[in-house]
């Protein structure tokens, strides 16, 4: 009878220990996923401004050269962004850019209107 009581106690201890281990493991996974999501959101916020930097560079290039129309994406590695394309529609240009730091891509676009001696930013998204 004494051996059965020890065996039952051992089984209960192993069951409780296994349950607590499973709970702590799932809690640690949940915490890691939370921090991963927070980091991802931070990268997306950074890429929003990196894509804006490329918009500024493209607008500056258009201000210097009204015929600036890259045929392939222009990668600006210092700003972690790329000028994807510039679409021409009469006297307006639509600029498409992407911020791509840590592969959390954020796309932005702007529409500018070209005048004789200056350009006007119509909209940005």
PDB file of N, CA and C in Angstrom:
ATOM      1  N   UNK A   1       0.810  -1.183   0.000  1.00  0.00           N
ATOM      2  CA  UNK A   1       0.000   0.000   0.000  1.00  0.00           C
ATOM      3  C   UNK A   1       0.861   1.258   0.000  1.00  0.00           C
ATOM      4  N   UNK A   2       2.013   1.191   0.686  1.00  0.00           N
ATOM      5  CA  UNK A   2       2.891   2.343   0.780  1.00  0.00           C
ATOM      6  C   UNK A   2       3.453   2.711  -0.594  1.00  0.00           C
ATOM      7  N   UNK A   3       3.740   1.726  -1.427  1.00  0.00           N
ATOM      8  CA  UNK A   3       4.280   1.980  -2.770  1.00  0.00           C
ATOM      9  C   UNK A   3       3.259   2.674  -3.665  1.00  0.00           C
ATOM     10  N   UNK A   4       1.972   2.343  -3.530  1.00  0.00           N
ATOM     11  CA  UNK A   4       0.937   2.945  -4.356  1.00  0.00           C
ATOM     12  C   UNK A   4       0.754   4.424  -4.018  1.00  0.00           C
ATOM     13  N   UNK A   5       0.869   4.793  -2.746  1.00  0.00           N
ATOM     14  CA  UNK A   5       0.737   6.189  -2.364  1.00  0.00           C
ATOM     15  C   UNK A   5       1.876   7.011  -2.953  1.00  0.00           C
ATOM     16  N   UNK A   6       3.072   6.473  -2.947  1.00  0.00           N
ATOM     17  CA  UNK A   6       4.225   7.170  -3.530  1.00  0.00           C
ATOM     18  C   UNK A   6       4.084   7.324  -5.036  1.00  0.00           C
ATOM     19  N   UNK A   7       3.552   6.279  -5.690  1.00  0.00           N
ATOM     20  CA  UNK A   7       3.355   6.325  -7.135  1.00  0.00           C
ATOM     21  C   UNK A   7       2.302   7.372  -7.508  1.00  0.00           C
ATOM     22  N   UNK A   8       1.218   7.422  -6.763  1.00  0.00           N
ATOM     23  CA  UNK A   8       0.156   8.401  -7.021  1.00  0.00           C
ATOM     24  C   UNK A   8       0.690   9.813  -6.810  1.00  0.00           C
ATOM     25  N   UNK A   9       1.463  10.018  -5.762  1.00  0.00           N
ATOM     26  CA  UNK A   9       2.050  11.334  -5.504  1.00  0.00           C
ATOM     27  C   UNK A   9       2.997  11.733  -6.626  1.00  0.00           C
ATOM     28  N   UNK A  10       3.797  10.784  -7.102  1.00  0.00           N
ATOM     29  CA  UNK A  10       4.717  11.062  -8.211  1.00  0.00           C
ATOM     30  C   UNK A  10       3.957  11.440  -9.475  1.00  0.00           C
ATOM     31  N   UNK A  11       2.887  10.743  -9.782  1.00  0.00           N
ATOM     32  CA  UNK A  11       2.085  11.027 -10.968  1.00  0.00           C
ATOM     33  C   UNK A  11       1.452  12.413 -10.853  1.00  0.00           C
ATOM     34  N   UNK A  12       0.945  12.750  -9.665  1.00  0.00           N
ATOM     35  CA  UNK A  12       0.335  14.070  -9.470  1.00  0.00           C
ATOM     36  C   UNK A  12       1.371  15.169  -9.632  1.00  0.00           C
ATOM     37  N   UNK A  13       2.563  14.973  -9.061  1.00  0.00           N
ATOM     38  CA  UNK A  13       3.632  15.965  -9.185  1.00  0.00           C
ATOM     39  C   UNK A  13       4.038  16.125 -10.652  1.00  0.00           C
ATOM     40  N   UNK A  14       4.174  15.026 -11.377  1.00  0.00           N
ATOM     41  CA  UNK A  14       4.545  15.101 -12.798  1.00  0.00           C
ATOM     42  C   UNK A  14       3.441  15.786 -13.619  1.00  0.00           C
ATOM     43  N   UNK A  15       2.183  15.503 -13.309  1.00  0.00           N
ATOM     44  CA  UNK A  15       1.075  16.132 -14.025  1.00  0.00           C
ATOM     45  C   UNK A  15       1.042  17.639 -13.781  1.00  0.00           C
ATOM     46  N   UNK A  16       1.166  18.041 -12.531  1.00  0.00           N
ATOM     47  CA  UNK A  16       1.152  19.466 -12.197  1.00  0.00           C
ATOM     48  C   UNK A  16       2.364  20.165 -12.812  1.00  0.00           C
ATOM     49  N   UNK A  17       3.526  19.542 -12.749  1.00  0.00           N
ATOM     50  CA  UNK A  17       4.739  20.133 -13.338  1.00  0.00           C
ATOM     51  C   UNK A  17       4.599  20.277 -14.849  1.00  0.00           C
ATOM     52  N   UNK A  18       4.052  19.262 -15.511  1.00  0.00           N
ATOM     53  CA  UNK A  18       3.846  19.326 -16.959  1.00  0.00           C
ATOM     54  C   UNK A  18       2.863  20.405 -17.348  1.00  0.00           C
ATOM     55  N   UNK A  19       1.791  20.542 -16.562  1.00  0.00           N
ATOM     56  CA  UNK A  19       0.798  21.576 -16.832  1.00  0.00           C
ATOM     57  C   UNK A  19       1.401  22.968 -16.667  1.00  0.00           C
ATOM     58  N   UNK A  20       2.156  23.171 -15.590  1.00  0.00           N
ATOM     59  CA  UNK A  20       2.799  24.476 -15.381  1.00  0.00           C
ATOM     60  C   UNK A  20       3.835  24.772 -16.457  1.00  0.00           C
ATOM     61  N   UNK A  21       4.574  23.744 -16.898  1.00  0.00           N
ATOM     62  CA  UNK A  21       5.548  23.929 -17.976  1.00  0.00           C
ATOM     63  C   UNK A  21       4.847  24.321 -19.272  1.00  0.00           C
ATOM     64  N   UNK A  22       3.720  23.669 -19.582  1.00  0.00           N
ATOM     65  CA  UNK A  22       2.976  24.003 -20.799  1.00  0.00           C
ATOM     66  C   UNK A  22       2.428  25.429 -20.729  1.00  0.00           C
ATOM     67  N   UNK A  23       1.928  25.841 -19.576  1.00  0.00           N
ATOM     68  CA  UNK A  23       1.409  27.202 -19.431  1.00  0.00           C
ATOM     69  C   UNK A  23       2.517  28.243 -19.572  1.00  0.00           C
ATOM     70  N   UNK A  24       3.660  27.989 -18.959  1.00  0.00           N
ATOM     71  CA  UNK A  24       4.757  28.957 -19.070  1.00  0.00           C
ATOM     72  C   UNK A  24       5.300  29.005 -20.496  1.00  0.00           C
ATOM     73  N   UNK A  25       5.323  27.864 -21.196  1.00  0.00           N
ATOM     74  CA  UNK A  25       5.785  27.842 -22.587  1.00  0.00           C
ATOM     75  C   UNK A  25       4.838  28.637 -23.484  1.00  0.00           C
ATOM     76  N   UNK A  26       3.521  28.442 -23.314  1.00  0.00           N
ATOM     77  CA  UNK A  26       2.566  29.189 -24.148  1.00  0.00           C
ATOM     78  C   UNK A  26       2.604  30.680 -23.815  1.00  0.00           C
ATOM     79  N   UNK A  27       2.834  31.023 -22.555  1.00  0.00           N
ATOM     80  CA  UNK A  27       2.950  32.426 -22.168  1.00  0.00           C
ATOM     81  C   UNK A  27       4.188  33.069 -22.792  1.00  0.00           C
ATOM     82  N   UNK A  28       5.289  32.327 -22.829  1.00  0.00           N
ATOM     83  CA  UNK A  28       6.510  32.884 -23.431  1.00  0.00           C
ATOM     84  C   UNK A  28       6.345  33.066 -24.937  1.00  0.00           C
ATOM     85  N   UNK A  29       5.639  32.167 -25.593  1.00  0.00           N
ATOM     86  CA  UNK A  29       5.383  32.313 -27.027  1.00  0.00           C
ATOM     87  C   UNK A  29       4.509  33.533 -27.276  1.00  0.00           C
ATOM     88  N   UNK A  30       3.496  33.719 -26.441  1.00  0.00           N
ATOM     89  CA  UNK A  30       2.607  34.871 -26.582  1.00  0.00           C
ATOM     90  C   UNK A  30       3.366  36.183 -26.392  1.00  0.00           C
ATOM     91  N   UNK A  31       4.261  36.213 -25.421  1.00  0.00           N
ATOM     92  CA  UNK A  31       5.064  37.408 -25.172  1.00  0.00           C
ATOM     93  C   UNK A  31       5.997  37.685 -26.351  1.00  0.00           C
ATOM     94  N   UNK A  32       6.616  36.650 -26.882  1.00  0.00           N
ATOM     95  CA  UNK A  32       7.512  36.821 -28.031  1.00  0.00           C
ATOM     96  C   UNK A  32       6.742  37.338 -29.242  1.00  0.00           C
ATOM     97  N   UNK A  33       5.545  36.826 -29.474  1.00  0.00           N
ATOM     98  CA  UNK A  33       4.739  37.303 -30.601  1.00  0.00           C
ATOM     99  C   UNK A  33       4.337  38.755 -30.412  1.00  0.00           C
ATOM    100  N   UNK A  34       4.030  39.154 -29.181  1.00  0.00           N
ATOM    101  CA  UNK A  34       3.690  40.548 -28.920  1.00  0.00           C
ATOM    102  C   UNK A  34       4.865  41.464 -29.265  1.00  0.00           C
ATOM    103  N   UNK A  35       6.067  41.103 -28.809  1.00  0.00           N
ATOM    104  CA  UNK A  35       7.219  41.942 -29.090  1.00  0.00           C
ATOM    105  C   UNK A  35       7.571  41.933 -30.574  1.00  0.00           C
ATOM    106  N   UNK A  36       7.319  40.820 -31.258  1.00  0.00           N
ATOM    107  CA  UNK A  36       7.551  40.771 -32.693  1.00  0.00           C
ATOM    108  C   UNK A  36       6.590  41.703 -33.420  1.00  0.00           C
ATOM    109  N   UNK A  37       5.320  41.732 -33.000  1.00  0.00           N
ATOM    110  CA  UNK A  37       4.355  42.643 -33.613  1.00  0.00           C
ATOM    111  C   UNK A  37       4.718  44.094 -33.338  1.00  0.00           C
ATOM    112  N   UNK A  38       5.167  44.379 -32.132  1.00  0.00           N
ATOM    113  CA  UNK A  38       5.548  45.754 -31.793  1.00  0.00           C
ATOM    114  C   UNK A  38       6.738  46.193 -32.633  1.00  0.00           C
ATOM    115  N   UNK A  39       7.706  45.306 -32.809  1.00  0.00           N
ATOM    116  CA  UNK A  39       8.875  45.636 -33.623  1.00  0.00           C
ATOM    117  C   UNK A  39       8.485  45.829 -35.080  1.00  0.00           C
ATOM    118  N   UNK A  40       7.578  44.992 -35.573  1.00  0.00           N
ATOM    119  CA  UNK A  40       7.117  45.118 -36.947  1.00  0.00           C
ATOM    120  C   UNK A  40       6.412  46.458 -37.177  1.00  0.00           C
ATOM    121  N   UNK A  41       5.598  46.875 -36.210  1.00  0.00           N
ATOM    122  CA  UNK A  41       4.916  48.170 -36.328  1.00  0.00           C
ATOM    123  C   UNK A  41       5.920  49.314 -36.309  1.00  0.00           C
ATOM    124  N   UNK A  42       6.962  49.172 -35.511  1.00  0.00           N
ATOM    125  CA  UNK A  42       8.005  50.208 -35.483  1.00  0.00           C
ATOM    126  C   UNK A  42       8.704  50.289 -36.835  1.00  0.00           C
ATOM    127  N   UNK A  43       9.011  49.143 -37.440  1.00  0.00           N
ATOM    128  CA  UNK A  43       9.646  49.139 -38.767  1.00  0.00           C
ATOM    129  C   UNK A  43       8.722  49.750 -39.814  1.00  0.00           C
ATOM    130  N   UNK A  44       7.431  49.485 -39.726  1.00  0.00           N
ATOM    131  CA  UNK A  44       6.495  50.072 -40.687  1.00  0.00           C
ATOM    132  C   UNK A  44       6.426  51.590 -40.527  1.00  0.00           C
ATOM    133  N   UNK A  45       6.453  52.061 -39.290  1.00  0.00           N
ATOM    134  CA  UNK A  45       6.451  53.516 -39.067  1.00  0.00           C
ATOM    135  C   UNK A  45       7.730  54.135 -39.621  1.00  0.00           C
ATOM    136  N   UNK A  46       8.861  53.470 -39.426  1.00  0.00           N
ATOM    137  CA  UNK A  46      10.124  53.980 -39.964  1.00  0.00           C
ATOM    138  C   UNK A  46      10.080  54.005 -41.489  1.00  0.00           C
ATOM    139  N   UNK A  47       9.528  52.948 -42.096  1.00  0.00           N
ATOM    140  CA  UNK A  47       9.468  52.872 -43.553  1.00  0.00           C
ATOM    141  C   UNK A  47       8.516  53.892 -44.149  1.00  0.00           C
ATOM    142  N   UNK A  48       7.509  54.294 -43.403  1.00  0.00           N
ATOM    143  CA  UNK A  48       6.622  55.367 -43.865  1.00  0.00           C
ATOM    144  C   UNK A  48       7.442  56.634 -44.130  1.00  0.00           C
ATOM    145  N   UNK A  49       8.330  56.959 -43.203  1.00  0.00           N
ATOM    146  CA  UNK A  49       9.156  58.157 -43.363  1.00  0.00           C
ATOM    147  C   UNK A  49      10.296  57.938 -44.355  1.00  0.00           C
ATOM    148  N   UNK A  50      10.803  56.708 -44.444  1.00  0.00           N
ATOM    149  CA  UNK A  50      11.819  56.423 -45.471  1.00  0.00           C
ATOM    150  C   UNK A  50      11.221  56.584 -46.867  1.00  0.00           C
ATOM    151  N   UNK A  51       9.994  56.108 -47.064  1.00  0.00           N
ATOM    152  CA  UNK A  51       9.341  56.280 -48.365  1.00  0.00           C
ATOM    153  C   UNK A  51       9.101  57.759 -48.652  1.00  0.00           C
ATOM    154  N   UNK A  52       8.798  58.529 -47.603  1.00  0.00           N
ATOM    155  CA  UNK A  52       8.652  59.976 -47.775  1.00  0.00           C
ATOM    156  C   UNK A  52       9.974  60.608 -48.186  1.00  0.00           C
ATOM    157  N   UNK A  53      11.084  60.114 -47.656  1.00  0.00           N
ATOM    158  CA  UNK A  53      12.403  60.618 -48.063  1.00  0.00           C
ATOM    159  C   UNK A  53      12.632  60.398 -49.550  1.00  0.00           C
ATOM    160  N   UNK A  54      12.208  59.237 -50.063  1.00  0.00           N
ATOM    161  CA  UNK A  54      12.364  58.989 -51.494  1.00  0.00           C
ATOM    162  C   UNK A  54      11.434  59.876 -52.317  1.00  0.00           C
ATOM    163  N   UNK A  55      10.239  60.152 -51.792  1.00  0.00           N
ATOM    164  CA  UNK A  55       9.368  61.111 -52.483  1.00  0.00           C
ATOM    165  C   UNK A  55      10.053  62.469 -52.586  1.00  0.00           C
ATOM    166  N   UNK A  56      10.671  62.898 -51.483  1.00  0.00           N
ATOM    167  CA  UNK A  56      11.373  64.184 -51.490  1.00  0.00           C
ATOM    168  C   UNK A  56      12.520  64.181 -52.494  1.00  0.00           C
ATOM    169  N   UNK A  57      13.255  63.073 -52.572  1.00  0.00           N
ATOM    170  CA  UNK A  57      14.361  62.985 -53.521  1.00  0.00           C
ATOM    171  C   UNK A  57      13.858  63.017 -54.963  1.00  0.00           C
ATOM    172  N   UNK A  58      12.744  62.340 -55.222  1.00  0.00           N
ATOM    173  CA  UNK A  58      12.183  62.344 -56.576  1.00  0.00           C
ATOM    174  C   UNK A  58      11.665  63.729 -56.947  1.00  0.00           C
ATOM    175  N   UNK A  59      11.018  64.415 -56.001  1.00  0.00           N
ATOM    176  CA  UNK A  59      10.530  65.774 -56.267  1.00  0.00           C
ATOM    177  C   UNK A  59      11.697  66.711 -56.510  1.00  0.00           C
ATOM    178  N   UNK A  60      12.759  66.548 -55.740  1.00  0.00           N
ATOM    179  CA  UNK A  60      13.960  67.357 -55.953  1.00  0.00           C
ATOM    180  C   UNK A  60      14.567  67.086 -57.326  1.00  0.00           C
ATOM    181  N   UNK A  61      14.605  65.812 -57.723  1.00  0.00           N
ATOM    182  CA  UNK A  61      15.135  65.478 -59.047  1.00  0.00           C
ATOM    183  C   UNK A  61      14.259  66.058 -60.150  1.00  0.00           C
ATOM    184  N   UNK A  62      12.932  66.041 -59.964  1.00  0.00           N
ATOM    185  CA  UNK A  62      12.032  66.643 -60.958  1.00  0.00           C
ATOM    186  C   UNK A  62      12.188  68.156 -61.006  1.00  0.00           C
ATOM    187  N   UNK A  63      12.468  68.766 -59.874  1.00  0.00           N
ATOM    188  CA  UNK A  63      12.660  70.217 -59.855  1.00  0.00           C
ATOM    189  C   UNK A  63      13.904  70.607 -60.646  1.00  0.00           C
ATOM    190  N   UNK A  64      14.914  69.740 -60.639  1.00  0.00           N
ATOM    191  CA  UNK A  64      16.145  70.022 -61.390  1.00  0.00           C
ATOM    192  C   UNK A  64      16.044  69.576 -62.848  1.00  0.00           C
ATOM    193  N   UNK A  65      15.267  68.519 -63.092  1.00  0.00           N
ATOM    194  CA  UNK A  65      15.158  67.965 -64.442  1.00  0.00           C
ATOM    195  C   UNK A  65      13.713  67.522 -64.664  1.00  0.00           C
ATOM    196  N   UNK A  66      12.941  68.313 -65.408  1.00  0.00           N
ATOM    197  CA  UNK A  66      11.532  67.999 -65.637  1.00  0.00           C
ATOM    198  C   UNK A  66      11.344  66.692 -66.398  1.00  0.00           C
ATOM    199  N   UNK A  67      12.391  66.191 -67.016  1.00  0.00           N
ATOM    200  CA  UNK A  67      12.304  64.971 -67.820  1.00  0.00           C
ATOM    201  C   UNK A  67      12.779  63.742 -67.043  1.00  0.00           C
ATOM    202  N   UNK A  68      12.911  63.862 -65.737  1.00  0.00           N
ATOM    203  CA  UNK A  68      13.351  62.739 -64.912  1.00  0.00           C
ATOM    204  C   UNK A  68      12.251  61.686 -64.865  1.00  0.00           C
ATOM    205  N   UNK A  69      12.478  60.579 -65.543  1.00  0.00           N
ATOM    206  CA  UNK A  69      11.556  59.440 -65.556  1.00  0.00           C
ATOM    207  C   UNK A  69      12.387  58.168 -65.553  1.00  0.00           C
ATOM    208  N   UNK A  70      12.707  57.627 -64.373  1.00  0.00           N
ATOM    209  CA  UNK A  70      13.537  56.417 -64.338  1.00  0.00           C
ATOM    210  C   UNK A  70      12.807  55.232 -64.969  1.00  0.00           C
ATOM    211  N   UNK A  71      13.546  54.442 -65.733  1.00  0.00           N
ATOM    212  CA  UNK A  71      12.960  53.275 -66.396  1.00  0.00           C
ATOM    213  C   UNK A  71      13.024  52.028 -65.519  1.00  0.00           C
ATOM    214  N   UNK A  72      13.789  52.098 -64.445  1.00  0.00           N
ATOM    215  CA  UNK A  72      13.874  50.994 -63.486  1.00  0.00           C
ATOM    216  C   UNK A  72      13.929  51.604 -62.083  1.00  0.00           C
ATOM    217  N   UNK A  73      13.598  50.842 -61.056  1.00  0.00           N
ATOM    218  CA  UNK A  73      13.595  51.409 -59.697  1.00  0.00           C
ATOM    219  C   UNK A  73      14.958  51.976 -59.296  1.00  0.00           C
ATOM    220  N   UNK A  74      14.928  53.154 -58.713  1.00  0.00           N
ATOM    221  CA  UNK A  74      16.137  53.806 -58.223  1.00  0.00           C
ATOM    222  C   UNK A  74      16.235  53.522 -56.723  1.00  0.00           C
ATOM    223  N   UNK A  75      17.229  52.742 -56.333  1.00  0.00           N
ATOM    224  CA  UNK A  75      17.404  52.367 -54.934  1.00  0.00           C
ATOM    225  C   UNK A  75      18.298  53.396 -54.260  1.00  0.00           C
ATOM    226  N   UNK A  76      17.813  53.975 -53.184  1.00  0.00           N
ATOM    227  CA  UNK A  76      18.608  54.918 -52.390  1.00  0.00           C
ATOM    228  C   UNK A  76      18.886  54.215 -51.064  1.00  0.00           C
ATOM    229  N   UNK A  77      20.021  53.544 -50.992  1.00  0.00           N
ATOM    230  CA  UNK A  77      20.316  52.682 -49.850  1.00  0.00           C
ATOM    231  C   UNK A  77      20.523  53.464 -48.557  1.00  0.00           C
ATOM    232  N   UNK A  78      20.990  54.706 -48.644  1.00  0.00           N
ATOM    233  CA  UNK A  78      21.167  55.500 -47.423  1.00  0.00           C
ATOM    234  C   UNK A  78      19.847  55.778 -46.723  1.00  0.00           C
ATOM    235  N   UNK A  79      18.768  55.865 -47.489  1.00  0.00           N
ATOM    236  CA  UNK A  79      17.451  56.154 -46.934  1.00  0.00           C
ATOM    237  C   UNK A  79      16.580  54.907 -46.811  1.00  0.00           C
ATOM    238  N   UNK A  80      17.086  53.738 -47.176  1.00  0.00           N
ATOM    239  CA  UNK A  80      16.344  52.473 -47.107  1.00  0.00           C
ATOM    240  C   UNK A  80      15.044  52.557 -47.904  1.00  0.00           C
ATOM    241  N   UNK A  81      15.126  53.133 -49.095  1.00  0.00           N
ATOM    242  CA  UNK A  81      13.915  53.279 -49.901  1.00  0.00           C
ATOM    243  C   UNK A  81      14.272  53.216 -51.383  1.00  0.00           C
ATOM    244  N   UNK A  82      13.228  53.159 -52.202  1.00  0.00           N
ATOM    245  CA  UNK A  82      13.399  53.125 -53.650  1.00  0.00           C
ATOM    246  C   UNK A  82      12.333  53.983 -54.318  1.00  0.00           C
ATOM    247  N   UNK A  83      12.741  54.652 -55.389  1.00  0.00           N
ATOM    248  CA  UNK A  83      11.787  55.332 -56.263  1.00  0.00           C
ATOM    249  C   UNK A  83      11.380  54.295 -57.288  1.00  0.00           C
ATOM    250  N   UNK A  84      10.141  53.825 -57.217  1.00  0.00           N
ATOM    251  CA  UNK A  84       9.704  52.742 -58.093  1.00  0.00           C
ATOM    252  C   UNK A  84       9.453  53.226 -59.512  1.00  0.00           C
ATOM    253  N   UNK A  85       8.675  54.292 -59.641  1.00  0.00           N
ATOM    254  CA  UNK A  85       8.384  54.802 -60.981  1.00  0.00           C
ATOM    255  C   UNK A  85       7.807  56.208 -60.878  1.00  0.00           C
ATOM    256  N   UNK A  86       7.825  56.874 -62.021  1.00  0.00           N
ATOM    257  CA  UNK A  86       7.188  58.184 -62.152  1.00  0.00           C
ATOM    258  C   UNK A  86       6.333  58.116 -63.412  1.00  0.00           C
ATOM    259  N   UNK A  87       5.028  58.256 -63.222  1.00  0.00           N
ATOM    260  CA  UNK A  87       4.101  58.206 -64.353  1.00  0.00           C
ATOM    261  C   UNK A  87       3.784  59.613 -64.827  1.00  0.00           C
ATOM    262  N   UNK A  88       3.836  59.793 -66.131  1.00  0.00           N
ATOM    263  CA  UNK A  88       3.594  61.095 -66.738  1.00  0.00           C
ATOM    264  C   UNK A  88       2.163  61.148 -67.264  1.00  0.00           C
ATOM    265  N   UNK A  89       1.460  62.244 -66.940  1.00  0.00           N
ATOM    266  CA  UNK A  89       0.106  62.453 -67.433  1.00  0.00           C
ATOM    267  C   UNK A  89      -0.063  63.951 -67.692  1.00  0.00           C
ATOM    268  N   UNK A  90       0.275  64.379 -68.882  1.00  0.00           N
ATOM    269  CA  UNK A  90       0.230  65.803 -69.221  1.00  0.00           C
ATOM    270  C   UNK A  90       1.280  66.559 -68.432  1.00  0.00           C
ATOM    271  N   UNK A  91       0.846  67.563 -67.680  1.00  0.00           N
ATOM    272  CA  UNK A  91       1.805  68.333 -66.892  1.00  0.00           C
ATOM    273  C   UNK A  91       1.900  67.823 -65.443  1.00  0.00           C
ATOM    274  N   UNK A  92       1.253  66.694 -65.141  1.00  0.00           N
ATOM    275  CA  UNK A  92       1.368  66.120 -63.791  1.00  0.00           C
ATOM    276  C   UNK A  92       2.208  64.849 -63.828  1.00  0.00           C
ATOM    277  N   UNK A  93       2.837  64.582 -62.697  1.00  0.00           N
ATOM    278  CA  UNK A  93       3.635  63.366 -62.525  1.00  0.00           C
ATOM    279  C   UNK A  93       3.173  62.690 -61.239  1.00  0.00           C
ATOM    280  N   UNK A  94       3.009  61.380 -61.296  1.00  0.00           N
ATOM    281  CA  UNK A  94       2.693  60.599 -60.106  1.00  0.00           C
ATOM    282  C   UNK A  94       3.926  59.776 -59.761  1.00  0.00           C
ATOM    283  N   UNK A  95       4.417  59.973 -58.543  1.00  0.00           N
ATOM    284  CA  UNK A  95       5.654  59.336 -58.092  1.00  0.00           C
ATOM    285  C   UNK A  95       5.280  58.204 -57.143  1.00  0.00           C
ATOM    286  N   UNK A  96       5.840  57.023 -57.368  1.00  0.00           N
ATOM    287  CA  UNK A  96       5.618  55.865 -56.516  1.00  0.00           C
ATOM    288  C   UNK A  96       6.928  55.478 -55.840  1.00  0.00           C
ATOM    289  N   UNK A  97       6.897  55.351 -54.508  1.00  0.00           N
ATOM    290  CA  UNK A  97       8.098  54.978 -53.759  1.00  0.00           C
ATOM    291  C   UNK A  97       7.755  53.881 -52.756  1.00  0.00           C
ATOM    292  N   UNK A  98       8.800  53.275 -52.212  1.00  0.00           N
ATOM    293  CA  UNK A  98       8.637  52.254 -51.174  1.00  0.00           C
ATOM    294  C   UNK A  98       9.776  52.387 -50.167  1.00  0.00           C
ATOM    295  N   UNK A  99       9.438  52.275 -48.893  1.00  0.00           N
ATOM    296  CA  UNK A  99      10.437  52.149 -47.836  1.00  0.00           C
ATOM    297  C   UNK A  99      10.577  50.679 -47.528  1.00  0.00           C
ATOM    298  N   UNK A 100      11.797  50.165 -47.478  1.00  0.00           N
ATOM    299  CA  UNK A 100      11.966  48.720 -47.346  1.00  0.00           C
ATOM    300  C   UNK A 100      12.990  48.319 -46.283  1.00  0.00           C
ATOM    301  N   UNK A 101      12.998  49.017 -45.165  1.00  0.00           N
ATOM    302  CA  UNK A 101      13.899  48.653 -44.064  1.00  0.00           C
ATOM    303  C   UNK A 101      13.373  47.395 -43.377  1.00  0.00           C
ATOM    304  N   UNK A 102      14.222  46.420 -43.187  1.00  0.00           N
ATOM    305  CA  UNK A 102      13.899  45.151 -42.520  1.00  0.00           C
ATOM    306  C   UNK A 102      12.695  44.446 -43.166  1.00  0.00           C
ATOM    307  N   UNK A 103      12.524  44.638 -44.452  1.00  0.00           N
ATOM    308  CA  UNK A 103      11.497  43.971 -45.254  1.00  0.00           C
ATOM    309  C   UNK A 103      10.063  44.258 -44.800  1.00  0.00           C
ATOM    310  N   UNK A 104       9.854  45.357 -44.084  1.00  0.00           N
ATOM    311  CA  UNK A 104       8.496  45.785 -43.714  1.00  0.00           C
ATOM    312  C   UNK A 104       8.119  46.904 -44.667  1.00  0.00           C
ATOM    313  N   UNK A 105       7.736  46.548 -45.868  1.00  0.00           N
ATOM    314  CA  UNK A 105       7.553  47.525 -46.939  1.00  0.00           C
ATOM    315  C   UNK A 105       6.337  48.415 -46.720  1.00  0.00           C
ATOM    316  N   UNK A 106       6.532  49.709 -47.011  1.00  0.00           N
ATOM    317  CA  UNK A 106       5.452  50.693 -46.982  1.00  0.00           C
ATOM    318  C   UNK A 106       5.541  51.486 -48.284  1.00  0.00           C
ATOM    319  N   UNK A 107       4.434  51.535 -49.008  1.00  0.00           N
ATOM    320  CA  UNK A 107       4.387  52.230 -50.292  1.00  0.00           C
ATOM    321  C   UNK A 107       3.768  53.609 -50.107  1.00  0.00           C
ATOM    322  N   UNK A 108       4.327  54.583 -50.813  1.00  0.00           N
ATOM    323  CA  UNK A 108       3.799  55.953 -50.794  1.00  0.00           C
ATOM    324  C   UNK A 108       3.746  56.457 -52.224  1.00  0.00           C
ATOM    325  N   UNK A 109       2.899  57.435 -52.438  1.00  0.00           N
ATOM    326  CA  UNK A 109       2.847  58.081 -53.755  1.00  0.00           C
ATOM    327  C   UNK A 109       2.536  59.550 -53.581  1.00  0.00           C
ATOM    328  N   UNK A 110       2.944  60.315 -54.571  1.00  0.00           N
ATOM    329  CA  UNK A 110       2.677  61.751 -54.586  1.00  0.00           C
ATOM    330  C   UNK A 110       2.372  62.166 -56.019  1.00  0.00           C
ATOM    331  N   UNK A 111       1.538  63.181 -56.129  1.00  0.00           N
ATOM    332  CA  UNK A 111       1.242  63.755 -57.441  1.00  0.00           C
ATOM    333  C   UNK A 111       1.739  65.188 -57.429  1.00  0.00           C
ATOM    334  N   UNK A 112       2.532  65.527 -58.453  1.00  0.00           N
ATOM    335  CA  UNK A 112       3.056  66.888 -58.569  1.00  0.00           C
ATOM    336  C   UNK A 112       2.668  67.449 -59.934  1.00  0.00           C
ATOM    337  N   UNK A 113       2.485  68.752 -59.987  1.00  0.00           N
ATOM    338  CA  UNK A 113       2.165  69.438 -61.245  1.00  0.00           C
ATOM    339  C   UNK A 113       3.353  70.312 -61.610  1.00  0.00           C
ATOM    340  N   UNK A 114       3.812  70.163 -62.842  1.00  0.00           N
ATOM    341  CA  UNK A 114       4.958  70.936 -63.322  1.00  0.00           C
ATOM    342  C   UNK A 114       4.480  72.226 -63.957  1.00  0.00           C
ATOM    343  N   UNK A 115       5.143  73.315 -63.584  1.00  0.00           N
ATOM    344  CA  UNK A 115       4.879  74.627 -64.178  1.00  0.00           C
ATOM    345  C   UNK A 115       6.140  75.072 -64.914  1.00  0.00           C
ATOM    346  N   UNK A 116       6.116  76.234 -65.507  1.00  0.00           N
ATOM    347  CA  UNK A 116       7.253  76.707 -66.306  1.00  0.00           C
ATOM    348  C   UNK A 116       8.534  76.794 -65.499  1.00  0.00           C
ATOM    349  N   UNK A 117       8.471  77.330 -64.287  1.00  0.00           N
ATOM    350  CA  UNK A 117       9.704  77.522 -63.517  1.00  0.00           C
ATOM    351  C   UNK A 117       9.671  76.891 -62.135  1.00  0.00           C
ATOM    352  N   UNK A 118       8.628  76.128 -61.849  1.00  0.00           N
ATOM    353  CA  UNK A 118       8.559  75.480 -60.532  1.00  0.00           C
ATOM    354  C   UNK A 118       7.637  74.271 -60.641  1.00  0.00           C
ATOM    355  N   UNK A 119       7.457  73.592 -59.521  1.00  0.00           N
ATOM    356  CA  UNK A 119       6.497  72.514 -59.483  1.00  0.00           C
ATOM    357  C   UNK A 119       5.666  72.627 -58.201  1.00  0.00           C
ATOM    358  N   UNK A 120       4.493  72.039 -58.258  1.00  0.00           N
ATOM    359  CA  UNK A 120       3.546  72.136 -57.150  1.00  0.00           C
ATOM    360  C   UNK A 120       3.170  70.734 -56.712  1.00  0.00           C
ATOM    361  N   UNK A 121       3.226  70.487 -55.417  1.00  0.00           N
ATOM    362  CA  UNK A 121       2.811  69.196 -54.881  1.00  0.00           C
ATOM    363  C   UNK A 121       1.298  69.217 -54.739  1.00  0.00           C
ATOM    364  N   UNK A 122       0.617  68.349 -55.478  1.00  0.00           N
ATOM    365  CA  UNK A 122      -0.837  68.319 -55.476  1.00  0.00           C
ATOM    366  C   UNK A 122      -1.343  67.452 -54.331  1.00  0.00           C
ATOM    367  N   UNK A 123      -0.779  66.248 -54.188  1.00  0.00           N
ATOM    368  CA  UNK A 123      -1.240  65.352 -53.109  1.00  0.00           C
ATOM    369  C   UNK A 123      -0.150  64.338 -52.785  1.00  0.00           C
ATOM    370  N   UNK A 124      -0.223  63.812 -51.579  1.00  0.00           N
ATOM    371  CA  UNK A 124       0.646  62.704 -51.161  1.00  0.00           C
ATOM    372  C   UNK A 124      -0.203  61.681 -50.426  1.00  0.00           C
ATOM    373  N   UNK A 125       0.107  60.429 -50.618  1.00  0.00           N
ATOM    374  CA  UNK A 125      -0.585  59.328 -49.931  1.00  0.00           C
ATOM    375  C   UNK A 125       0.444  58.418 -49.309  1.00  0.00           C
TER     376      UNK A 125
END
